[in-house]
PDB file of N, CA and C in Angstrom:
ATOM      1  N   UNK A   1     172.353-118.690  60.513  1.00  0.00           N
ATOM      2  CA  UNK A   1     172.276-120.094  60.788  1.00  0.00           C
ATOM      3  C   UNK A   1     170.962-120.432  61.478  1.00  0.00           C
ATOM      4  N   UNK A   2     170.501-119.560  62.370  1.00  0.00           N
ATOM      5  CA  UNK A   2     169.245-119.819  63.066  1.00  0.00           C
ATOM      6  C   UNK A   2     168.101-119.961  62.067  1.00  0.00           C
ATOM      7  N   UNK A   3     168.070-119.120  61.049  1.00  0.00           N
ATOM      8  CA  UNK A   3     166.995-119.179  60.059  1.00  0.00           C
ATOM      9  C   UNK A   3     167.014-120.493  59.292  1.00  0.00           C
ATOM     10  N   UNK A   4     168.198-120.942  58.891  1.00  0.00           N
ATOM     11  CA  UNK A   4     168.302-122.187  58.147  1.00  0.00           C
ATOM     12  C   UNK A   4     167.888-123.366  59.020  1.00  0.00           C
ATOM     13  N   UNK A   5     168.301-123.373  60.260  1.00  0.00           N
ATOM     14  CA  UNK A   5     167.903-124.447  61.177  1.00  0.00           C
ATOM     15  C   UNK A   5     166.394-124.430  61.379  1.00  0.00           C
ATOM     16  N   UNK A   6     165.803-123.242  61.519  1.00  0.00           N
ATOM     17  CA  UNK A   6     164.352-123.136  61.657  1.00  0.00           C
ATOM     18  C   UNK A   6     163.658-123.713  60.424  1.00  0.00           C
ATOM     19  N   UNK A   7     164.155-123.372  59.239  1.00  0.00           N
ATOM     20  CA  UNK A   7     163.572-123.926  58.011  1.00  0.00           C
ATOM     21  C   UNK A   7     163.688-125.448  57.994  1.00  0.00           C
ATOM     22  N   UNK A   8     164.855-125.958  58.335  1.00  0.00           N
ATOM     23  CA  UNK A   8     165.061-127.406  58.338  1.00  0.00           C
ATOM     24  C   UNK A   8     164.100-128.098  59.312  1.00  0.00           C
ATOM     25  N   UNK A   9     163.891-127.514  60.466  1.00  0.00           N
ATOM     26  CA  UNK A   9     162.959-128.091  61.443  1.00  0.00           C
ATOM     27  C   UNK A   9     161.540-128.126  60.899  1.00  0.00           C
ATOM     28  N   UNK A  10     161.209-127.195  60.020  1.00  0.00           N
ATOM     29  CA  UNK A  10     159.869-127.139  59.415  1.00  0.00           C
ATOM     30  C   UNK A  10     159.766-128.003  58.164  1.00  0.00           C
ATOM     31  N   UNK A  11     160.880-128.628  57.788  1.00  0.00           N
ATOM     32  CA  UNK A  11     160.876-129.470  56.602  1.00  0.00           C
ATOM     33  C   UNK A  11     161.099-128.714  55.308  1.00  0.00           C
ATOM     34  N   UNK A  12     161.547-127.471  55.419  1.00  0.00           N
ATOM     35  CA  UNK A  12     161.815-126.651  54.243  1.00  0.00           C
ATOM     36  C   UNK A  12     163.319-126.647  54.008  1.00  0.00           C
ATOM     37  N   UNK A  13     163.761-127.114  52.846  1.00  0.00           N
ATOM     38  CA  UNK A  13     165.207-127.133  52.607  1.00  0.00           C
ATOM     39  C   UNK A  13     165.782-125.723  52.547  1.00  0.00           C
ATOM     40  N   UNK A  14     166.955-125.571  53.101  1.00  0.00           N
ATOM     41  CA  UNK A  14     167.616-124.272  53.095  1.00  0.00           C
ATOM     42  C   UNK A  14     169.117-124.453  53.036  1.00  0.00           C
ATOM     43  N   UNK A  15     169.807-123.386  52.705  1.00  0.00           N
ATOM     44  CA  UNK A  15     171.257-123.394  52.611  1.00  0.00           C
ATOM     45  C   UNK A  15     171.794-122.131  53.261  1.00  0.00           C
ATOM     46  N   UNK A  16     172.742-122.289  54.156  1.00  0.00           N
ATOM     47  CA  UNK A  16     173.419-121.163  54.783  1.00  0.00           C
ATOM     48  C   UNK A  16     174.490-120.678  53.818  1.00  0.00           C
ATOM     49  N   UNK A  17     174.473-119.384  53.497  1.00  0.00           N
ATOM     50  CA  UNK A  17     175.454-118.805  52.579  1.00  0.00           C
ATOM     51  C   UNK A  17     176.177-117.670  53.294  1.00  0.00           C
ATOM     52  N   UNK A  18     177.502-117.735  53.276  1.00  0.00           N
ATOM     53  CA  UNK A  18     178.311-116.694  53.907  1.00  0.00           C
ATOM     54  C   UNK A  18     179.678-116.675  53.239  1.00  0.00           C
ATOM     55  N   UNK A  19     180.482-115.689  53.592  1.00  0.00           N
ATOM     56  CA  UNK A  19     181.840-115.657  53.054  1.00  0.00           C
ATOM     57  C   UNK A  19     182.723-116.608  53.860  1.00  0.00           C
ATOM     58  N   UNK A  20     183.839-116.974  53.273  1.00  0.00           N
ATOM     59  CA  UNK A  20     184.729-117.982  53.837  1.00  0.00           C
ATOM     60  C   UNK A  20     185.268-117.627  55.222  1.00  0.00           C
ATOM     61  N   UNK A  21     185.223-116.387  55.584  1.00  0.00           N
ATOM     62  CA  UNK A  21     185.674-115.959  56.909  1.00  0.00           C
ATOM     63  C   UNK A  21     184.863-116.633  58.021  1.00  0.00           C
ATOM     64  N   UNK A  22     183.653-117.082  57.696  1.00  0.00           N
ATOM     65  CA  UNK A  22     182.731-117.560  58.712  1.00  0.00           C
ATOM     66  C   UNK A  22     182.569-119.079  58.741  1.00  0.00           C
ATOM     67  N   UNK A  23     183.475-119.811  58.127  1.00  0.00           N
ATOM     68  CA  UNK A  23     183.383-121.270  58.103  1.00  0.00           C
ATOM     69  C   UNK A  23     183.367-121.840  59.522  1.00  0.00           C
ATOM     70  N   UNK A  24     184.370-121.502  60.313  1.00  0.00           N
ATOM     71  CA  UNK A  24     184.449-122.058  61.675  1.00  0.00           C
ATOM     72  C   UNK A  24     183.244-121.668  62.518  1.00  0.00           C
ATOM     73  N   UNK A  25     182.817-120.431  62.428  1.00  0.00           N
ATOM     74  CA  UNK A  25     181.658-119.976  63.199  1.00  0.00           C
ATOM     75  C   UNK A  25     180.394-120.709  62.763  1.00  0.00           C
ATOM     76  N   UNK A  26     180.238-120.928  61.465  1.00  0.00           N
ATOM     77  CA  UNK A  26     179.054-121.620  60.961  1.00  0.00           C
ATOM     78  C   UNK A  26     179.022-123.067  61.447  1.00  0.00           C
ATOM     79  N   UNK A  27     180.156-123.729  61.412  1.00  0.00           N
ATOM     80  CA  UNK A  27     180.220-125.112  61.890  1.00  0.00           C
ATOM     81  C   UNK A  27     179.899-125.160  63.382  1.00  0.00           C
ATOM     82  N   UNK A  28     180.517-124.299  64.160  1.00  0.00           N
ATOM     83  CA  UNK A  28     180.278-124.282  65.610  1.00  0.00           C
ATOM     84  C   UNK A  28     178.814-123.990  65.925  1.00  0.00           C
ATOM     85  N   UNK A  29     178.235-123.033  65.225  1.00  0.00           N
ATOM     86  CA  UNK A  29     176.848-122.672  65.509  1.00  0.00           C
ATOM     87  C   UNK A  29     175.894-123.785  65.080  1.00  0.00           C
ATOM     88  N   UNK A  30     176.144-124.414  63.941  1.00  0.00           N
ATOM     89  CA  UNK A  30     175.249-125.492  63.507  1.00  0.00           C
ATOM     90  C   UNK A  30     175.315-126.673  64.474  1.00  0.00           C
ATOM     91  N   UNK A  31     176.487-126.967  64.988  1.00  0.00           N
ATOM     92  CA  UNK A  31     176.631-128.030  65.984  1.00  0.00           C
ATOM     93  C   UNK A  31     175.876-127.651  67.255  1.00  0.00           C
ATOM     94  N   UNK A  32     176.057-126.409  67.714  1.00  0.00           N
ATOM     95  CA  UNK A  32     175.392-125.947  68.932  1.00  0.00           C
ATOM     96  C   UNK A  32     173.866-125.971  68.798  1.00  0.00           C
ATOM     97  N   UNK A  33     173.377-125.762  67.588  1.00  0.00           N
ATOM     98  CA  UNK A  33     171.929-125.754  67.353  1.00  0.00           C
ATOM     99  C   UNK A  33     171.370-127.144  67.063  1.00  0.00           C
ATOM    100  N   UNK A  34     172.249-128.144  67.048  1.00  0.00           N
ATOM    101  CA  UNK A  34     171.799-129.512  66.848  1.00  0.00           C
ATOM    102  C   UNK A  34     171.649-129.930  65.394  1.00  0.00           C
ATOM    103  N   UNK A  35     172.189-129.165  64.467  1.00  0.00           N
ATOM    104  CA  UNK A  35     172.122-129.488  63.044  1.00  0.00           C
ATOM    105  C   UNK A  35     173.510-129.417  62.421  1.00  0.00           C
ATOM    106  N   UNK A  36     174.399-130.312  62.811  1.00  0.00           N
ATOM    107  CA  UNK A  36     175.776-130.227  62.321  1.00  0.00           C
ATOM    108  C   UNK A  36     175.912-130.412  60.812  1.00  0.00           C
ATOM    109  N   UNK A  37     174.942-131.055  60.181  1.00  0.00           N
ATOM    110  CA  UNK A  37     175.032-131.313  58.753  1.00  0.00           C
ATOM    111  C   UNK A  37     174.292-130.320  57.884  1.00  0.00           C
ATOM    112  N   UNK A  38     173.847-129.206  58.469  1.00  0.00           N
ATOM    113  CA  UNK A  38     173.085-128.237  57.685  1.00  0.00           C
ATOM    114  C   UNK A  38     173.919-127.791  56.475  1.00  0.00           C
ATOM    115  N   UNK A  39     173.251-127.632  55.345  1.00  0.00           N
ATOM    116  CA  UNK A  39     173.947-127.264  54.109  1.00  0.00           C
ATOM    117  C   UNK A  39     174.548-125.869  54.234  1.00  0.00           C
ATOM    118  N   UNK A  40     175.809-125.761  53.774  1.00  0.00           N
ATOM    119  CA  UNK A  40     176.522-124.483  53.838  1.00  0.00           C
ATOM    120  C   UNK A  40     177.272-124.264  52.535  1.00  0.00           C
ATOM    121  N   UNK A  41     177.231-123.024  52.044  1.00  0.00           N
ATOM    122  CA  UNK A  41     178.001-122.632  50.864  1.00  0.00           C
ATOM    123  C   UNK A  41     178.741-121.351  51.221  1.00  0.00           C
ATOM    124  N   UNK A  42     180.024-121.324  50.902  1.00  0.00           N
ATOM    125  CA  UNK A  42     180.842-120.164  51.240  1.00  0.00           C
ATOM    126  C   UNK A  42     181.401-119.516  49.981  1.00  0.00           C
ATOM    127  N   UNK A  43     181.435-118.202  50.010  1.00  0.00           N
ATOM    128  CA  UNK A  43     181.994-117.411  48.924  1.00  0.00           C
ATOM    129  C   UNK A  43     183.348-116.856  49.375  1.00  0.00           C
ATOM    130  N   UNK A  44     184.124-116.311  48.460  1.00  0.00           N
ATOM    131  CA  UNK A  44     185.386-115.687  48.871  1.00  0.00           C
ATOM    132  C   UNK A  44     185.138-114.526  49.840  1.00  0.00           C
ATOM    133  N   UNK A  45     186.147-114.242  50.620  1.00  0.00           N
ATOM    134  CA  UNK A  45     186.084-113.156  51.603  1.00  0.00           C
ATOM    135  C   UNK A  45     187.231-112.195  51.309  1.00  0.00           C
ATOM    136  N   UNK A  46     187.066-110.930  51.501  1.00  0.00           N
ATOM    137  CA  UNK A  46     185.892-110.191  51.960  1.00  0.00           C
ATOM    138  C   UNK A  46     184.955-109.852  50.797  1.00  0.00           C
ATOM    139  N   UNK A  47     183.735-109.454  51.150  1.00  0.00           N
ATOM    140  CA  UNK A  47     182.786-109.073  50.111  1.00  0.00           C
ATOM    141  C   UNK A  47     182.432-107.591  50.144  1.00  0.00           C
ATOM    142  N   UNK A  48     182.706-106.915  51.242  1.00  0.00           N
ATOM    143  CA  UNK A  48     182.233-105.538  51.388  1.00  0.00           C
ATOM    144  C   UNK A  48     182.823-104.555  50.384  1.00  0.00           C
ATOM    145  N   UNK A  49     184.001-104.813  49.861  1.00  0.00           N
ATOM    146  CA  UNK A  49     184.622-103.883  48.920  1.00  0.00           C
ATOM    147  C   UNK A  49     184.551-104.362  47.474  1.00  0.00           C
ATOM    148  N   UNK A  50     183.737-105.353  47.190  1.00  0.00           N
ATOM    149  CA  UNK A  50     183.631-105.904  45.849  1.00  0.00           C
ATOM    150  C   UNK A  50     182.719-105.055  44.973  1.00  0.00           C
ATOM    151  N   UNK A  51     183.038-105.026  43.702  1.00  0.00           N
ATOM    152  CA  UNK A  51     182.191-104.313  42.741  1.00  0.00           C
ATOM    153  C   UNK A  51     180.945-105.143  42.470  1.00  0.00           C
ATOM    154  N   UNK A  52     179.976-104.530  41.819  1.00  0.00           N
ATOM    155  CA  UNK A  52     178.767-105.277  41.449  1.00  0.00           C
ATOM    156  C   UNK A  52     179.121-106.476  40.567  1.00  0.00           C
ATOM    157  N   UNK A  53     180.024-106.280  39.630  1.00  0.00           N
ATOM    158  CA  UNK A  53     180.426-107.370  38.744  1.00  0.00           C
ATOM    159  C   UNK A  53     181.100-108.506  39.521  1.00  0.00           C
ATOM    160  N   UNK A  54     181.939-108.154  40.486  1.00  0.00           N
ATOM    161  CA  UNK A  54     182.579-109.181  41.306  1.00  0.00           C
ATOM    162  C   UNK A  54     181.549-109.946  42.130  1.00  0.00           C
ATOM    163  N   UNK A  55     180.574-109.240  42.678  1.00  0.00           N
ATOM    164  CA  UNK A  55     179.528-109.899  43.464  1.00  0.00           C
ATOM    165  C   UNK A  55     178.689-110.823  42.582  1.00  0.00           C
ATOM    166  N   UNK A  56     178.399-110.391  41.362  1.00  0.00           N
ATOM    167  CA  UNK A  56     177.671-111.255  40.440  1.00  0.00           C
ATOM    168  C   UNK A  56     178.483-112.527  40.139  1.00  0.00           C
ATOM    169  N   UNK A  57     179.781-112.366  39.971  1.00  0.00           N
ATOM    170  CA  UNK A  57     180.644-113.526  39.723  1.00  0.00           C
ATOM    171  C   UNK A  57     180.629-114.476  40.926  1.00  0.00           C
ATOM    172  N   UNK A  58     180.672-113.939  42.130  1.00  0.00           N
ATOM    173  CA  UNK A  58     180.585-114.773  43.336  1.00  0.00           C
ATOM    174  C   UNK A  58     179.255-115.534  43.345  1.00  0.00           C
ATOM    175  N   UNK A  59     178.173-114.812  43.038  1.00  0.00           N
ATOM    176  CA  UNK A  59     176.844-115.429  43.025  1.00  0.00           C
ATOM    177  C   UNK A  59     176.759-116.504  41.948  1.00  0.00           C
ATOM    178  N   UNK A  60     177.266-116.195  40.771  1.00  0.00           N
ATOM    179  CA  UNK A  60     177.248-117.183  39.686  1.00  0.00           C
ATOM    180  C   UNK A  60     178.031-118.432  40.081  1.00  0.00           C
ATOM    181  N   UNK A  61     179.172-118.238  40.712  1.00  0.00           N
ATOM    182  CA  UNK A  61     179.998-119.357  41.145  1.00  0.00           C
ATOM    183  C   UNK A  61     179.291-120.205  42.206  1.00  0.00           C
ATOM    184  N   UNK A  62     178.560-119.568  43.091  1.00  0.00           N
ATOM    185  CA  UNK A  62     177.903-120.280  44.191  1.00  0.00           C
ATOM    186  C   UNK A  62     176.563-120.896  43.793  1.00  0.00           C
ATOM    187  N   UNK A  63     175.975-120.426  42.715  1.00  0.00           N
ATOM    188  CA  UNK A  63     174.613-120.820  42.352  1.00  0.00           C
ATOM    189  C   UNK A  63     174.420-122.334  42.276  1.00  0.00           C
ATOM    190  N   UNK A  64     175.235-123.012  41.518  1.00  0.00           N
ATOM    191  CA  UNK A  64     175.092-124.460  41.362  1.00  0.00           C
ATOM    192  C   UNK A  64     175.260-125.200  42.686  1.00  0.00           C
ATOM    193  N   UNK A  65     176.192-124.727  43.516  1.00  0.00           N
ATOM    194  CA  UNK A  65     176.389-125.377  44.814  1.00  0.00           C
ATOM    195  C   UNK A  65     175.165-125.180  45.712  1.00  0.00           C
ATOM    196  N   UNK A  66     174.557-124.009  45.631  1.00  0.00           N
ATOM    197  CA  UNK A  66     173.358-123.743  46.423  1.00  0.00           C
ATOM    198  C   UNK A  66     172.200-124.620  45.958  1.00  0.00           C
ATOM    199  N   UNK A  67     171.965-124.650  44.657  1.00  0.00           N
ATOM    200  CA  UNK A  67     170.899-125.469  44.106  1.00  0.00           C
ATOM    201  C   UNK A  67     171.127-126.944  44.443  1.00  0.00           C
ATOM    202  N   UNK A  68     172.338-127.417  44.281  1.00  0.00           N
ATOM    203  CA  UNK A  68     172.660-128.812  44.589  1.00  0.00           C
ATOM    204  C   UNK A  68     172.397-129.135  46.052  1.00  0.00           C
ATOM    205  N   UNK A  69     172.722-128.204  46.931  1.00  0.00           N
ATOM    206  CA  UNK A  69     172.495-128.431  48.356  1.00  0.00           C
ATOM    207  C   UNK A  69     171.004-128.496  48.686  1.00  0.00           C
ATOM    208  N   UNK A  70     170.200-127.748  47.954  1.00  0.00           N
ATOM    209  CA  UNK A  70     168.759-127.749  48.215  1.00  0.00           C
ATOM    210  C   UNK A  70     168.091-129.008  47.675  1.00  0.00           C
ATOM    211  N   UNK A  71     168.432-129.397  46.452  1.00  0.00           N
ATOM    212  CA  UNK A  71     167.750-130.523  45.832  1.00  0.00           C
ATOM    213  C   UNK A  71     168.479-131.848  46.021  1.00  0.00           C
ATOM    214  N   UNK A  72     169.735-131.769  46.469  1.00  0.00           N
ATOM    215  CA  UNK A  72     170.550-132.983  46.592  1.00  0.00           C
ATOM    216  C   UNK A  72     170.265-133.736  47.800  1.00  0.00           C
TER     217      UNK A  72
END
């Protein structure tokens, strides 16, 4: 979250990407850092035991949301 907030402060669009386990933490941290509306995209959780194919599917699913958050 710190990196995305730093990018936003510099005028560079960014998107925070994490698994769904971290929704509450991401919201709390973005509020604490003064950027409550920072773009966030969440994937299913957990990811550590996923196969390469499953991870690609997660990435494919998130891709449009990430792009939309950057250009939207």
